[in-house]
């Protein structure tokens, strides 16, 4: 049983109550012996313990000094720091973590940067965030961008009763798996970000001509009159590739 320290109340921290559940989450994440895995927001160490038992090389990151000290007495690699700022590994790594709800998006922005050598992540976040970032429709600018390099899905729903203290909403395990073949080359990340920003701000016709939309709608499976949110990650990547070819 993982115990939540009183000092954590009010910080968006919700600890897993069951070590058995933590073990199940690590197993579902496909962690293999020898994998380098980050537990970001390790808290009382429920997931850290399960990861160590699975044979992973674990780095536990915890911002609260007392919790970090407790973890350091039990595990060899503990960093006291903010998961939104701590230095990430330069070698391929995985993440299994119960993220602090109030900082989840900021942490994901770091992890899902295309040049970060993240192989996979199974992270507990608020259900609404997990559903928004994995929705096929309506799409969002950020989800479309991340999906160029990672496959995003919901691995599991976790009701609020499995946490201490229970949050106001249910949670989900957001899974990100690096694509073997990216939809957009990594070296074009900034151009793609600018392309999407303009399209989601002012509409697809500001980045692709009407004639091109008309030509490609049947091939790519969208309505030429669609709003930006109506196109999925693969459709946006294909439109970007077409736009790039026309400018070369």
C-alpha atoms as a PDB file:
ATOM      1  CA  UNK A   1       0.000   0.000   0.000  1.00  0.00           C
ATOM      2  CA  UNK A   2       1.452   3.352  -1.038  1.00  0.00           C
ATOM      3  CA  UNK A   3       0.977   6.026   1.635  1.00  0.00           C
ATOM      4  CA  UNK A   4       0.433   9.695   0.763  1.00  0.00           C
ATOM      5  CA  UNK A   5       2.294  12.168   2.991  1.00  0.00           C
ATOM      6  CA  UNK A   6       0.148  14.989   4.369  1.00  0.00           C
ATOM      7  CA  UNK A   7       2.500  17.593   2.882  1.00  0.00           C
ATOM      8  CA  UNK A   8       1.327  16.750  -0.598  1.00  0.00           C
ATOM      9  CA  UNK A   9      -2.250  17.969  -0.170  1.00  0.00           C
ATOM     10  CA  UNK A  10      -3.128  20.769  -2.570  1.00  0.00           C
ATOM     11  CA  UNK A  11      -0.240  20.289  -4.982  1.00  0.00           C
ATOM     12  CA  UNK A  12      -2.116  18.342  -7.651  1.00  0.00           C
ATOM     13  CA  UNK A  13      -0.507  15.148  -6.372  1.00  0.00           C
ATOM     14  CA  UNK A  14      -2.592  11.977  -6.107  1.00  0.00           C
ATOM     15  CA  UNK A  15      -0.758   8.810  -5.098  1.00  0.00           C
ATOM     16  CA  UNK A  16      -1.622   5.276  -6.143  1.00  0.00           C
ATOM     17  CA  UNK A  17      -3.108   3.379  -3.227  1.00  0.00           C
ATOM     18  CA  UNK A  18      -2.132  -0.108  -4.414  1.00  0.00           C
ATOM     19  CA  UNK A  19       1.289  -1.593  -5.125  1.00  0.00           C
ATOM     20  CA  UNK A  20      -0.469  -4.330  -7.119  1.00  0.00           C
ATOM     21  CA  UNK A  21      -1.961  -1.724  -9.442  1.00  0.00           C
ATOM     22  CA  UNK A  22       1.467  -0.124  -9.847  1.00  0.00           C
ATOM     23  CA  UNK A  23       2.882  -3.516 -10.851  1.00  0.00           C
ATOM     24  CA  UNK A  24       0.082  -4.017 -13.387  1.00  0.00           C
ATOM     25  CA  UNK A  25       0.762  -0.593 -14.941  1.00  0.00           C
ATOM     26  CA  UNK A  26       4.480  -1.340 -15.289  1.00  0.00           C
ATOM     27  CA  UNK A  27       3.723  -4.719 -16.862  1.00  0.00           C
ATOM     28  CA  UNK A  28       1.280  -3.136 -19.334  1.00  0.00           C
ATOM     29  CA  UNK A  29       3.922  -0.564 -20.303  1.00  0.00           C
ATOM     30  CA  UNK A  30       6.100  -3.375 -21.672  1.00  0.00           C
ATOM     31  CA  UNK A  31       9.130  -2.567 -19.542  1.00  0.00           C
ATOM     32  CA  UNK A  32      11.980  -5.019 -20.108  1.00  0.00           C
ATOM     33  CA  UNK A  33      14.996  -5.837 -17.968  1.00  0.00           C
ATOM     34  CA  UNK A  34      17.714  -3.269 -18.540  1.00  0.00           C
ATOM     35  CA  UNK A  35      15.438  -0.526 -19.890  1.00  0.00           C
ATOM     36  CA  UNK A  36      16.282   2.985 -18.751  1.00  0.00           C
ATOM     37  CA  UNK A  37      13.041   4.334 -17.260  1.00  0.00           C
ATOM     38  CA  UNK A  38      12.169   7.667 -15.663  1.00  0.00           C
ATOM     39  CA  UNK A  39       9.554   7.861 -12.917  1.00  0.00           C
ATOM     40  CA  UNK A  40       8.656  11.548 -12.959  1.00  0.00           C
ATOM     41  CA  UNK A  41       6.924  12.696  -9.792  1.00  0.00           C
ATOM     42  CA  UNK A  42       7.849   9.474  -8.025  1.00  0.00           C
ATOM     43  CA  UNK A  43       6.118  10.438  -4.766  1.00  0.00           C
ATOM     44  CA  UNK A  44       6.119   7.568  -2.277  1.00  0.00           C
ATOM     45  CA  UNK A  45       7.708   5.222  -4.816  1.00  0.00           C
ATOM     46  CA  UNK A  46       4.927   2.826  -5.810  1.00  0.00           C
ATOM     47  CA  UNK A  47       5.847   2.850  -9.506  1.00  0.00           C
ATOM     48  CA  UNK A  48       9.566   3.117  -8.751  1.00  0.00           C
ATOM     49  CA  UNK A  49       9.371  -0.098  -6.721  1.00  0.00           C
ATOM     50  CA  UNK A  50       7.499  -1.922  -9.490  1.00  0.00           C
ATOM     51  CA  UNK A  51       9.972  -0.712 -12.122  1.00  0.00           C
ATOM     52  CA  UNK A  52      12.973  -1.877 -10.084  1.00  0.00           C
ATOM     53  CA  UNK A  53      11.339  -5.272  -9.587  1.00  0.00           C
ATOM     54  CA  UNK A  54      10.874  -5.493 -13.375  1.00  0.00           C
ATOM     55  CA  UNK A  55      14.639  -5.117 -13.766  1.00  0.00           C
ATOM     56  CA  UNK A  56      14.641  -1.596 -15.193  1.00  0.00           C
ATOM     57  CA  UNK A  57      17.368   0.979 -14.647  1.00  0.00           C
ATOM     58  CA  UNK A  58      15.226   3.542 -12.876  1.00  0.00           C
ATOM     59  CA  UNK A  59      15.752   7.246 -12.317  1.00  0.00           C
ATOM     60  CA  UNK A  60      13.186   8.577  -9.849  1.00  0.00           C
ATOM     61  CA  UNK A  61      12.495  12.315  -9.992  1.00  0.00           C
ATOM     62  CA  UNK A  62      10.733  13.966  -7.063  1.00  0.00           C
ATOM     63  CA  UNK A  63      10.361  17.658  -6.262  1.00  0.00           C
ATOM     64  CA  UNK A  64       9.480  17.358  -2.563  1.00  0.00           C
ATOM     65  CA  UNK A  65      12.598  17.222  -0.407  1.00  0.00           C
ATOM     66  CA  UNK A  66      11.319  14.799   2.242  1.00  0.00           C
ATOM     67  CA  UNK A  67       9.901  12.416  -0.319  1.00  0.00           C
ATOM     68  CA  UNK A  68      13.133  12.556  -2.335  1.00  0.00           C
ATOM     69  CA  UNK A  69      15.117  11.782   0.820  1.00  0.00           C
ATOM     70  CA  UNK A  70      12.877   8.800   1.590  1.00  0.00           C
ATOM     71  CA  UNK A  71      13.284   7.528  -1.966  1.00  0.00           C
ATOM     72  CA  UNK A  72      17.060   7.957  -1.802  1.00  0.00           C
ATOM     73  CA  UNK A  73      17.200   5.586   1.159  1.00  0.00           C
ATOM     74  CA  UNK A  74      15.532   2.899  -0.933  1.00  0.00           C
ATOM     75  CA  UNK A  75      16.766   3.449  -4.481  1.00  0.00           C
ATOM     76  CA  UNK A  76      20.183   4.285  -5.964  1.00  0.00           C
ATOM     77  CA  UNK A  77      19.194   6.900  -8.573  1.00  0.00           C
ATOM     78  CA  UNK A  78      16.969   9.654  -7.208  1.00  0.00           C
ATOM     79  CA  UNK A  79      16.913  13.264  -8.408  1.00  0.00           C
ATOM     80  CA  UNK A  80      15.349  15.955  -6.270  1.00  0.00           C
ATOM     81  CA  UNK A  81      13.959  18.339  -8.854  1.00  0.00           C
ATOM     82  CA  UNK A  82      11.075  19.570 -10.966  1.00  0.00           C
ATOM     83  CA  UNK A  83      10.037  17.148 -13.711  1.00  0.00           C
ATOM     84  CA  UNK A  84       9.348  20.177 -15.927  1.00  0.00           C
ATOM     85  CA  UNK A  85      13.009  21.217 -15.795  1.00  0.00           C
ATOM     86  CA  UNK A  86      15.162  18.220 -14.887  1.00  0.00           C
ATOM     87  CA  UNK A  87      17.720  17.184 -17.500  1.00  0.00           C
ATOM     88  CA  UNK A  88      16.490  14.313 -19.647  1.00  0.00           C
ATOM     89  CA  UNK A  89      18.718  11.402 -20.714  1.00  0.00           C
ATOM     90  CA  UNK A  90      20.663  11.627 -23.951  1.00  0.00           C
ATOM     91  CA  UNK A  91      20.316   7.879 -24.551  1.00  0.00           C
ATOM     92  CA  UNK A  92      17.029   6.159 -25.451  1.00  0.00           C
ATOM     93  CA  UNK A  93      14.708   5.945 -22.454  1.00  0.00           C
ATOM     94  CA  UNK A  94      11.150   5.218 -21.397  1.00  0.00           C
ATOM     95  CA  UNK A  95       8.816   6.861 -18.900  1.00  0.00           C
ATOM     96  CA  UNK A  96       6.315   5.292 -16.531  1.00  0.00           C
ATOM     97  CA  UNK A  97       4.949   7.904 -14.180  1.00  0.00           C
ATOM     98  CA  UNK A  98       2.012   9.262 -12.238  1.00  0.00           C
ATOM     99  CA  UNK A  99       2.381  12.883 -13.302  1.00  0.00           C
ATOM    100  CA  UNK A 100       1.297  15.772 -11.088  1.00  0.00           C
ATOM    101  CA  UNK A 101      -1.969  16.835 -12.669  1.00  0.00           C
ATOM    102  CA  UNK A 102      -1.207  20.558 -12.609  1.00  0.00           C
ATOM    103  CA  UNK A 103       2.041  20.116 -14.567  1.00  0.00           C
ATOM    104  CA  UNK A 104       1.151  17.299 -16.944  1.00  0.00           C
ATOM    105  CA  UNK A 105       1.037  19.243 -20.212  1.00  0.00           C
ATOM    106  CA  UNK A 106       4.318  21.045 -19.517  1.00  0.00           C
ATOM    107  CA  UNK A 107       6.024  17.717 -18.812  1.00  0.00           C
ATOM    108  CA  UNK A 108       4.549  16.148 -21.945  1.00  0.00           C
ATOM    109  CA  UNK A 109       5.798  19.059 -24.055  1.00  0.00           C
ATOM    110  CA  UNK A 110       9.328  18.193 -22.953  1.00  0.00           C
ATOM    111  CA  UNK A 111       9.002  14.433 -23.355  1.00  0.00           C
ATOM    112  CA  UNK A 112       7.307  14.494 -26.769  1.00  0.00           C
ATOM    113  CA  UNK A 113       9.753  16.879 -28.374  1.00  0.00           C
ATOM    114  CA  UNK A 114      10.850  15.035 -31.530  1.00  0.00           C
ATOM    115  CA  UNK A 115      14.572  15.334 -30.716  1.00  0.00           C
ATOM    116  CA  UNK A 116      14.237  13.871 -27.218  1.00  0.00           C
ATOM    117  CA  UNK A 117      15.239  10.155 -27.405  1.00  0.00           C
ATOM    118  CA  UNK A 118      12.019   8.962 -25.752  1.00  0.00           C
ATOM    119  CA  UNK A 119      10.997   5.464 -26.860  1.00  0.00           C
ATOM    120  CA  UNK A 120       7.700   5.210 -25.004  1.00  0.00           C
ATOM    121  CA  UNK A 121       5.749   6.760 -22.165  1.00  0.00           C
ATOM    122  CA  UNK A 122       2.895   5.464 -20.046  1.00  0.00           C
ATOM    123  CA  UNK A 123       1.829   8.402 -17.881  1.00  0.00           C
ATOM    124  CA  UNK A 124      -1.132   8.906 -15.577  1.00  0.00           C
ATOM    125  CA  UNK A 125      -2.918  12.190 -16.298  1.00  0.00           C
ATOM    126  CA  UNK A 126      -6.390  13.636 -15.847  1.00  0.00           C
ATOM    127  CA  UNK A 127      -8.955  11.816 -17.971  1.00  0.00           C
ATOM    128  CA  UNK A 128      -9.904  14.969 -19.864  1.00  0.00           C
ATOM    129  CA  UNK A 129      -6.303  15.553 -20.899  1.00  0.00           C
ATOM    130  CA  UNK A 130      -5.844  11.956 -22.025  1.00  0.00           C
ATOM    131  CA  UNK A 131      -9.078  12.056 -24.027  1.00  0.00           C
ATOM    132  CA  UNK A 132      -8.259  15.405 -25.642  1.00  0.00           C
ATOM    133  CA  UNK A 133      -4.746  14.442 -26.717  1.00  0.00           C
ATOM    134  CA  UNK A 134      -5.779  11.082 -28.181  1.00  0.00           C
ATOM    135  CA  UNK A 135      -9.022  12.141 -29.873  1.00  0.00           C
ATOM    136  CA  UNK A 136      -9.223  11.375 -33.583  1.00  0.00           C
ATOM    137  CA  UNK A 137     -11.777  14.188 -33.821  1.00  0.00           C
ATOM    138  CA  UNK A 138     -11.736  17.008 -33.090  1.00  0.00           C
ATOM    139  CA  UNK A 139      -7.996  17.216 -33.466  1.00  0.00           C
ATOM    140  CA  UNK A 140      -5.870  19.871 -31.782  1.00  0.00           C
ATOM    141  CA  UNK A 141      -2.757  21.636 -32.974  1.00  0.00           C
ATOM    142  CA  UNK A 142      -0.603  20.185 -30.210  1.00  0.00           C
ATOM    143  CA  UNK A 143      -1.875  16.626 -30.624  1.00  0.00           C
ATOM    144  CA  UNK A 144      -1.373  16.740 -34.393  1.00  0.00           C
ATOM    145  CA  UNK A 145       2.177  18.015 -33.863  1.00  0.00           C
ATOM    146  CA  UNK A 146       3.081  15.325 -31.325  1.00  0.00           C
ATOM    147  CA  UNK A 147       1.479  12.636 -33.472  1.00  0.00           C
ATOM    148  CA  UNK A 148       3.957  13.265 -36.269  1.00  0.00           C
ATOM    149  CA  UNK A 149       6.520  11.378 -34.177  1.00  0.00           C
ATOM    150  CA  UNK A 150       4.503   9.483 -31.574  1.00  0.00           C
ATOM    151  CA  UNK A 151       1.420   7.274 -31.635  1.00  0.00           C
ATOM    152  CA  UNK A 152      -0.877   8.491 -28.871  1.00  0.00           C
ATOM    153  CA  UNK A 153      -3.517   6.322 -27.219  1.00  0.00           C
ATOM    154  CA  UNK A 154      -5.304   5.709 -23.928  1.00  0.00           C
ATOM    155  CA  UNK A 155      -4.073   2.502 -22.339  1.00  0.00           C
ATOM    156  CA  UNK A 156      -6.400   2.488 -19.341  1.00  0.00           C
ATOM    157  CA  UNK A 157      -8.962   4.463 -17.340  1.00  0.00           C
ATOM    158  CA  UNK A 158      -8.302   4.866 -13.622  1.00  0.00           C
ATOM    159  CA  UNK A 159     -11.223   5.933 -11.389  1.00  0.00           C
ATOM    160  CA  UNK A 160     -10.505   8.533  -8.748  1.00  0.00           C
ATOM    161  CA  UNK A 161     -10.952   5.997  -5.927  1.00  0.00           C
ATOM    162  CA  UNK A 162      -7.588   4.326  -6.688  1.00  0.00           C
ATOM    163  CA  UNK A 163      -5.718   7.462  -5.562  1.00  0.00           C
ATOM    164  CA  UNK A 164      -5.007   9.025  -2.179  1.00  0.00           C
ATOM    165  CA  UNK A 165      -6.234  11.652  -1.872  1.00  0.00           C
ATOM    166  CA  UNK A 166      -8.827  11.039  -4.599  1.00  0.00           C
ATOM    167  CA  UNK A 167      -8.778  13.754  -7.277  1.00  0.00           C
ATOM    168  CA  UNK A 168     -11.894  15.585  -8.403  1.00  0.00           C
ATOM    169  CA  UNK A 169     -11.846  13.723 -11.746  1.00  0.00           C
ATOM    170  CA  UNK A 170     -10.950  10.285 -13.026  1.00  0.00           C
ATOM    171  CA  UNK A 171      -7.584   9.659 -14.643  1.00  0.00           C
ATOM    172  CA  UNK A 172      -6.241   7.802 -17.647  1.00  0.00           C
ATOM    173  CA  UNK A 173      -2.966   6.247 -18.726  1.00  0.00           C
ATOM    174  CA  UNK A 174      -1.817   8.212 -21.757  1.00  0.00           C
ATOM    175  CA  UNK A 175       0.512   6.093 -23.885  1.00  0.00           C
ATOM    176  CA  UNK A 176       3.001   7.537 -26.376  1.00  0.00           C
ATOM    177  CA  UNK A 177       4.996   5.204 -28.622  1.00  0.00           C
ATOM    178  CA  UNK A 178       7.657   6.568 -30.937  1.00  0.00           C
ATOM    179  CA  UNK A 179       6.813   5.841 -34.564  1.00  0.00           C
ATOM    180  CA  UNK A 180       9.298   3.669 -36.418  1.00  0.00           C
ATOM    181  CA  UNK A 181       8.665   5.856 -39.452  1.00  0.00           C
ATOM    182  CA  UNK A 182       7.776   9.464 -38.525  1.00  0.00           C
ATOM    183  CA  UNK A 183       5.025  11.241 -40.422  1.00  0.00           C
ATOM    184  CA  UNK A 184       7.249  14.335 -40.703  1.00  0.00           C
ATOM    185  CA  UNK A 185      11.081  14.367 -40.765  1.00  0.00           C
ATOM    186  CA  UNK A 186      12.519  15.535 -37.451  1.00  0.00           C
ATOM    187  CA  UNK A 187      14.639  18.147 -39.189  1.00  0.00           C
ATOM    188  CA  UNK A 188      11.423  19.835 -40.378  1.00  0.00           C
ATOM    189  CA  UNK A 189       9.916  20.182 -36.904  1.00  0.00           C
ATOM    190  CA  UNK A 190       9.989  23.997 -36.816  1.00  0.00           C
ATOM    191  CA  UNK A 191       8.544  24.390 -40.297  1.00  0.00           C
ATOM    192  CA  UNK A 192       5.787  21.918 -39.423  1.00  0.00           C
ATOM    193  CA  UNK A 193       5.022  23.726 -36.156  1.00  0.00           C
ATOM    194  CA  UNK A 194       4.662  27.027 -38.032  1.00  0.00           C
ATOM    195  CA  UNK A 195       2.516  25.357 -40.717  1.00  0.00           C
ATOM    196  CA  UNK A 196       0.126  23.953 -38.091  1.00  0.00           C
ATOM    197  CA  UNK A 197       0.014  27.156 -36.062  1.00  0.00           C
ATOM    198  CA  UNK A 198      -1.114  29.137 -39.082  1.00  0.00           C
ATOM    199  CA  UNK A 199      -3.593  26.491 -40.204  1.00  0.00           C
ATOM    200  CA  UNK A 200      -5.261  26.145 -36.802  1.00  0.00           C
ATOM    201  CA  UNK A 201      -5.354  29.910 -36.354  1.00  0.00           C
ATOM    202  CA  UNK A 202      -6.697  30.915 -39.758  1.00  0.00           C
ATOM    203  CA  UNK A 203      -7.828  27.730 -41.505  1.00  0.00           C
ATOM    204  CA  UNK A 204      -6.407  25.133 -43.924  1.00  0.00           C
ATOM    205  CA  UNK A 205      -6.777  27.445 -46.936  1.00  0.00           C
ATOM    206  CA  UNK A 206      -4.105  29.732 -45.502  1.00  0.00           C
ATOM    207  CA  UNK A 207      -1.452  27.027 -45.853  1.00  0.00           C
ATOM    208  CA  UNK A 208      -2.767  24.989 -48.799  1.00  0.00           C
ATOM    209  CA  UNK A 209      -4.501  26.366 -51.876  1.00  0.00           C
ATOM    210  CA  UNK A 210      -8.163  25.716 -52.594  1.00  0.00           C
ATOM    211  CA  UNK A 211      -7.201  23.890 -55.771  1.00  0.00           C
ATOM    212  CA  UNK A 212      -4.931  21.564 -53.800  1.00  0.00           C
ATOM    213  CA  UNK A 213      -7.585  20.884 -51.178  1.00  0.00           C
ATOM    214  CA  UNK A 214     -10.060  20.074 -53.928  1.00  0.00           C
ATOM    215  CA  UNK A 215      -7.564  17.781 -55.620  1.00  0.00           C
ATOM    216  CA  UNK A 216      -6.563  15.894 -52.461  1.00  0.00           C
ATOM    217  CA  UNK A 217      -9.859  15.582 -50.568  1.00  0.00           C
ATOM    218  CA  UNK A 218     -10.785  12.199 -52.048  1.00  0.00           C
ATOM    219  CA  UNK A 219      -7.234  10.862 -51.894  1.00  0.00           C
ATOM    220  CA  UNK A 220      -6.682  11.821 -48.253  1.00  0.00           C
ATOM    221  CA  UNK A 221     -10.267  11.386 -47.092  1.00  0.00           C
ATOM    222  CA  UNK A 222     -11.357  14.837 -45.933  1.00  0.00           C
ATOM    223  CA  UNK A 223     -13.846  17.519 -46.970  1.00  0.00           C
ATOM    224  CA  UNK A 224     -12.186  20.434 -48.773  1.00  0.00           C
ATOM    225  CA  UNK A 225     -14.366  22.776 -46.667  1.00  0.00           C
ATOM    226  CA  UNK A 226     -13.226  21.207 -43.388  1.00  0.00           C
ATOM    227  CA  UNK A 227     -11.935  23.212 -40.463  1.00  0.00           C
ATOM    228  CA  UNK A 228      -8.450  22.524 -39.124  1.00  0.00           C
ATOM    229  CA  UNK A 229      -9.794  20.362 -36.302  1.00  0.00           C
ATOM    230  CA  UNK A 230     -11.532  18.064 -38.809  1.00  0.00           C
ATOM    231  CA  UNK A 231      -8.247  16.713 -40.207  1.00  0.00           C
ATOM    232  CA  UNK A 232      -6.242  14.063 -38.394  1.00  0.00           C
ATOM    233  CA  UNK A 233      -2.489  13.760 -37.916  1.00  0.00           C
ATOM    234  CA  UNK A 234      -1.859  11.731 -41.079  1.00  0.00           C
ATOM    235  CA  UNK A 235      -3.884  14.110 -43.229  1.00  0.00           C
ATOM    236  CA  UNK A 236      -2.029  17.128 -41.876  1.00  0.00           C
ATOM    237  CA  UNK A 237       1.343  15.458 -42.431  1.00  0.00           C
ATOM    238  CA  UNK A 238       0.375  14.629 -46.010  1.00  0.00           C
ATOM    239  CA  UNK A 239      -0.753  18.214 -46.684  1.00  0.00           C
ATOM    240  CA  UNK A 240       2.503  19.508 -45.223  1.00  0.00           C
ATOM    241  CA  UNK A 241       4.545  17.170 -47.435  1.00  0.00           C
ATOM    242  CA  UNK A 242       2.609  18.381 -50.480  1.00  0.00           C
ATOM    243  CA  UNK A 243       3.171  22.019 -49.513  1.00  0.00           C
ATOM    244  CA  UNK A 244       6.895  21.412 -49.049  1.00  0.00           C
ATOM    245  CA  UNK A 245       7.209  19.726 -52.449  1.00  0.00           C
ATOM    246  CA  UNK A 246       5.552  22.685 -54.137  1.00  0.00           C
ATOM    247  CA  UNK A 247       7.999  25.137 -52.579  1.00  0.00           C
ATOM    248  CA  UNK A 248      11.167  23.172 -53.430  1.00  0.00           C
END
